[in-house]
Amino acid sequence: MFNTDLPSGRRKLFALVLGVFLIVGFSVKYLLIWLGWVGGADQTSRPIQGPVAAVGSDTESTSVTPEEVAQAKRVAEQFIQAYTTVDFKQRDAWLASLKSLTTPSHYAVLEQEATQARSPEDTVSTAFSKQGRMDCEAVASRVSCLAEVIVMEKGPKESLPVERIYQLLLSADGERWVVEEAQARGNLE
């Protein structure tokens, strides 16, 4: 293919390999931009959003009073205790303990989780052990809570303490607060 006896054979080979890598590299870049997998130069033309006001600042009108945030925090604590005490051998009792603390739509999600879980013998049951830090703040007409919890995961032979972080979104349902959404998070910071 190449006449390697020439004194500049290595230079020609290097230039050819470099050229092939540049062509392939730029081709892949433009293919990924065309497919939308990575951003191209058109992202700079998008309007830039102005600074966002901090939650609870004067620019945002919250209709939740500090007393209501405290009530929502108590409901969140009750929910966390019931939600983290899971034994799928007693699914109905677990669901019943959560029904009064959640919205109907979130209860349907929990019901689906419980019924579509693996068989009770294959699942690890957990028990609430200790409540860590819980930070709650008003967000518009709702309350958002970030809760740190230690649960005991009960395996077939031993129990292990596991730290979990949950983000809860609570809304007012008449005079009481209910959990609208619960998500597991990785880190409190």
Protein backbone atom coordinates (compact mmCIF):
# COMPACT_ATOMS: atom_id res chain seq x y z
CA MET A 1 0.00 0.00 0.00
CA PHE A 2 2.77 2.45 0.98
CA ASN A 3 6.31 2.50 -0.16
CA THR A 4 7.97 2.45 3.27
CA ASP A 5 11.48 2.63 1.81
CA LEU A 6 11.07 6.36 1.20
CA PRO A 7 12.64 8.58 3.85
CA SER A 8 9.33 10.42 4.42
CA GLY A 9 7.20 7.24 4.67
CA ARG A 10 6.58 7.64 8.36
CA ARG A 11 5.55 11.25 7.90
CA LYS A 12 3.11 10.28 5.14
CA LEU A 13 1.66 7.49 7.29
CA PHE A 14 1.31 9.85 10.25
CA ALA A 15 -0.36 12.49 8.08
CA LEU A 16 -2.76 9.89 6.64
CA VAL A 17 -3.72 8.50 10.07
CA LEU A 18 -4.17 12.03 11.44
CA GLY A 19 -6.35 12.96 8.47
CA VAL A 20 -8.52 9.86 8.89
CA PHE A 21 -9.01 10.57 12.61
CA LEU A 22 -9.96 14.18 11.92
CA ILE A 23 -12.45 13.23 9.22
CA VAL A 24 -14.02 10.46 11.33
CA GLY A 25 -14.05 12.63 14.48
CA PHE A 26 -15.79 15.58 12.85
CA SER A 27 -18.19 13.26 11.02
CA VAL A 28 -19.25 11.66 14.32
CA LYS A 29 -19.58 15.09 15.94
CA TYR A 30 -21.91 16.38 13.23
CA LEU A 31 -23.85 13.11 13.20
CA LEU A 32 -24.45 13.40 16.97
CA ILE A 33 -25.50 17.05 16.61
CA TRP A 34 -27.82 16.13 13.75
CA LEU A 35 -29.37 13.34 15.86
CA GLY A 36 -29.80 15.77 18.75
CA TRP A 37 -27.71 13.75 21.22
CA VAL A 38 -25.35 16.64 21.91
CA GLY A 39 -25.82 20.40 21.67
CA GLY A 40 -24.51 22.33 18.77
CA ALA A 41 -23.89 26.01 18.16
CA ASP A 42 -27.66 26.67 17.97
CA GLN A 43 -27.94 26.41 21.77
CA THR A 44 -26.38 29.83 22.23
CA SER A 45 -29.22 31.45 20.29
CA ARG A 46 -31.81 30.33 22.84
CA PRO A 47 -33.04 33.04 25.19
CA ILE A 48 -31.35 33.00 28.55
CA GLN A 49 -33.68 32.99 31.53
CA GLY A 50 -33.16 35.76 34.05
CA PRO A 51 -32.25 35.04 37.66
CA VAL A 52 -34.74 32.94 39.55
CA ALA A 53 -35.99 34.22 42.87
CA ALA A 54 -35.16 32.07 45.87
CA VAL A 55 -37.97 30.02 47.36
CA GLY A 56 -39.64 31.90 50.15
CA SER A 57 -38.32 35.29 49.05
CA ASP A 58 -40.41 38.46 48.94
CA THR A 59 -40.82 38.30 45.16
CA GLU A 60 -42.75 35.05 45.36
CA SER A 61 -46.12 35.12 47.06
CA THR A 62 -46.60 32.04 49.19
CA SER A 63 -49.96 31.29 50.62
CA VAL A 64 -48.55 28.87 53.19
CA THR A 65 -48.02 30.16 56.70
CA PRO A 66 -45.25 28.94 59.02
CA GLU A 67 -47.88 27.14 61.13
CA GLU A 68 -49.07 25.26 58.05
CA VAL A 69 -45.48 24.32 57.19
CA ALA A 70 -45.15 22.89 60.72
CA GLN A 71 -48.39 20.90 60.24
CA ALA A 72 -47.16 19.60 56.90
CA LYS A 73 -43.85 18.63 58.50
CA ARG A 74 -45.68 16.54 61.11
CA VAL A 75 -47.62 14.78 58.34
CA ALA A 76 -44.36 14.21 56.46
CA GLU A 77 -42.83 12.62 59.57
CA GLN A 78 -45.84 10.30 59.95
CA PHE A 79 -45.68 9.40 56.26
CA ILE A 80 -41.94 8.64 56.40
CA GLN A 81 -42.40 6.32 59.38
CA ALA A 82 -45.23 4.44 57.67
CA TYR A 83 -43.61 4.46 54.21
CA THR A 84 -40.24 3.12 55.35
CA THR A 85 -41.74 0.32 57.45
CA VAL A 86 -42.35 -2.16 54.64
CA ASP A 87 -43.09 -5.86 54.89
CA PHE A 88 -44.56 -7.05 51.62
CA LYS A 89 -45.98 -10.11 53.37
CA GLN A 90 -48.46 -7.63 54.86
CA ARG A 91 -49.04 -5.37 51.84
CA ASP A 92 -52.62 -4.48 52.75
CA ALA A 93 -51.66 -3.25 56.23
CA TRP A 94 -48.82 -1.17 54.76
CA LEU A 95 -51.12 0.40 52.18
CA ALA A 96 -53.82 1.06 54.78
CA SER A 97 -51.32 2.96 56.94
CA LEU A 98 -50.50 5.22 53.97
CA LYS A 99 -54.00 5.83 52.62
CA SER A 100 -54.96 8.70 54.93
CA LEU A 101 -51.58 10.41 54.44
CA THR A 102 -51.54 10.55 50.62
CA THR A 103 -53.52 11.94 47.72
CA PRO A 104 -55.61 9.41 45.77
CA SER A 105 -53.26 9.64 42.77
CA HIS A 106 -50.15 8.97 44.87
CA TYR A 107 -51.93 6.18 46.72
CA ALA A 108 -52.63 4.55 43.34
CA VAL A 109 -48.90 4.69 42.56
CA LEU A 110 -48.08 3.10 45.93
CA GLU A 111 -50.71 0.44 45.37
CA GLN A 112 -49.20 -0.35 42.00
CA GLU A 113 -45.71 -0.54 43.54
CA ALA A 114 -46.95 -2.95 46.20
CA THR A 115 -48.86 -5.23 43.85
CA GLN A 116 -46.17 -5.35 41.17
CA ALA A 117 -43.33 -6.02 43.58
CA ARG A 118 -41.56 -9.35 43.56
CA SER A 119 -42.85 -12.16 45.69
CA PRO A 120 -42.76 -11.40 49.42
CA GLU A 121 -40.10 -14.05 49.99
CA ASP A 122 -37.70 -12.34 47.52
CA THR A 123 -38.12 -8.78 48.77
CA VAL A 124 -36.19 -7.17 51.58
CA SER A 125 -38.40 -5.78 54.31
CA THR A 126 -37.44 -2.53 56.01
CA ALA A 127 -38.26 -1.00 59.36
CA PHE A 128 -38.09 2.67 60.34
CA SER A 129 -35.19 3.15 62.74
CA LYS A 130 -34.40 6.83 63.21
CA GLN A 131 -35.49 10.18 61.81
CA GLY A 132 -32.58 12.39 60.85
CA ARG A 133 -32.77 15.92 59.58
CA MET A 134 -35.98 17.12 57.94
CA ASP A 135 -36.12 20.45 56.14
CA CYS A 136 -39.48 21.76 54.96
CA GLU A 137 -40.23 24.94 53.05
CA ALA A 138 -43.20 26.52 51.35
CA VAL A 139 -43.28 26.36 47.56
CA ALA A 140 -46.23 28.37 46.23
CA SER A 141 -49.27 26.68 47.81
CA ARG A 142 -47.43 23.45 48.65
CA VAL A 143 -44.74 22.35 51.06
CA SER A 144 -41.58 20.55 49.98
CA CYS A 145 -39.71 18.46 52.55
CA LEU A 146 -36.32 16.78 52.36
CA ALA A 147 -36.02 14.02 54.97
CA GLU A 148 -33.04 11.99 56.13
CA VAL A 149 -34.03 8.58 57.50
CA ILE A 150 -32.19 5.53 58.84
CA VAL A 151 -34.01 2.27 58.07
CA MET A 152 -33.10 -1.29 58.97
CA GLU A 153 -33.09 -3.56 55.94
CA LYS A 154 -33.97 -7.05 57.11
CA GLY A 155 -32.32 -9.71 55.03
CA PRO A 156 -32.62 -13.45 55.40
CA LYS A 157 -29.82 -13.62 57.99
CA GLU A 158 -29.03 -10.11 59.26
CA SER A 159 -30.31 -6.54 59.44
CA LEU A 160 -28.33 -3.60 58.09
CA PRO A 161 -28.88 0.10 58.81
CA VAL A 162 -29.24 2.12 55.60
CA GLU A 163 -29.46 5.90 55.27
CA ARG A 164 -32.08 7.10 52.83
CA ILE A 165 -33.06 10.56 51.68
CA TYR A 166 -36.64 11.30 50.59
CA GLN A 167 -38.10 14.35 48.95
CA LEU A 168 -41.79 14.83 49.70
CA LEU A 169 -44.25 17.24 48.16
CA LEU A 170 -47.28 17.94 50.34
CA SER A 171 -50.46 19.79 49.43
CA ALA A 172 -53.43 20.96 51.43
CA ASP A 173 -56.54 18.82 51.16
CA GLY A 174 -59.09 20.91 52.97
CA GLU A 175 -57.87 21.31 56.54
CA ARG A 176 -55.28 18.52 56.41
CA TRP A 177 -52.00 18.04 54.55
CA VAL A 178 -51.37 15.01 52.36
CA VAL A 179 -48.34 13.70 50.50
CA GLU A 180 -48.68 14.33 46.80
CA GLU A 181 -45.34 12.87 45.76
CA ALA A 182 -42.47 10.97 47.39
CA GLN A 183 -39.10 10.38 45.74
CA ALA A 184 -35.94 8.76 46.99
CA ARG A 185 -32.88 10.99 46.67
CA GLY A 186 -29.22 10.20 47.02
CA ASN A 187 -27.79 12.94 49.22
CA LEU A 188 -29.07 15.60 51.61
CA GLU A 189 -26.41 18.14 50.66
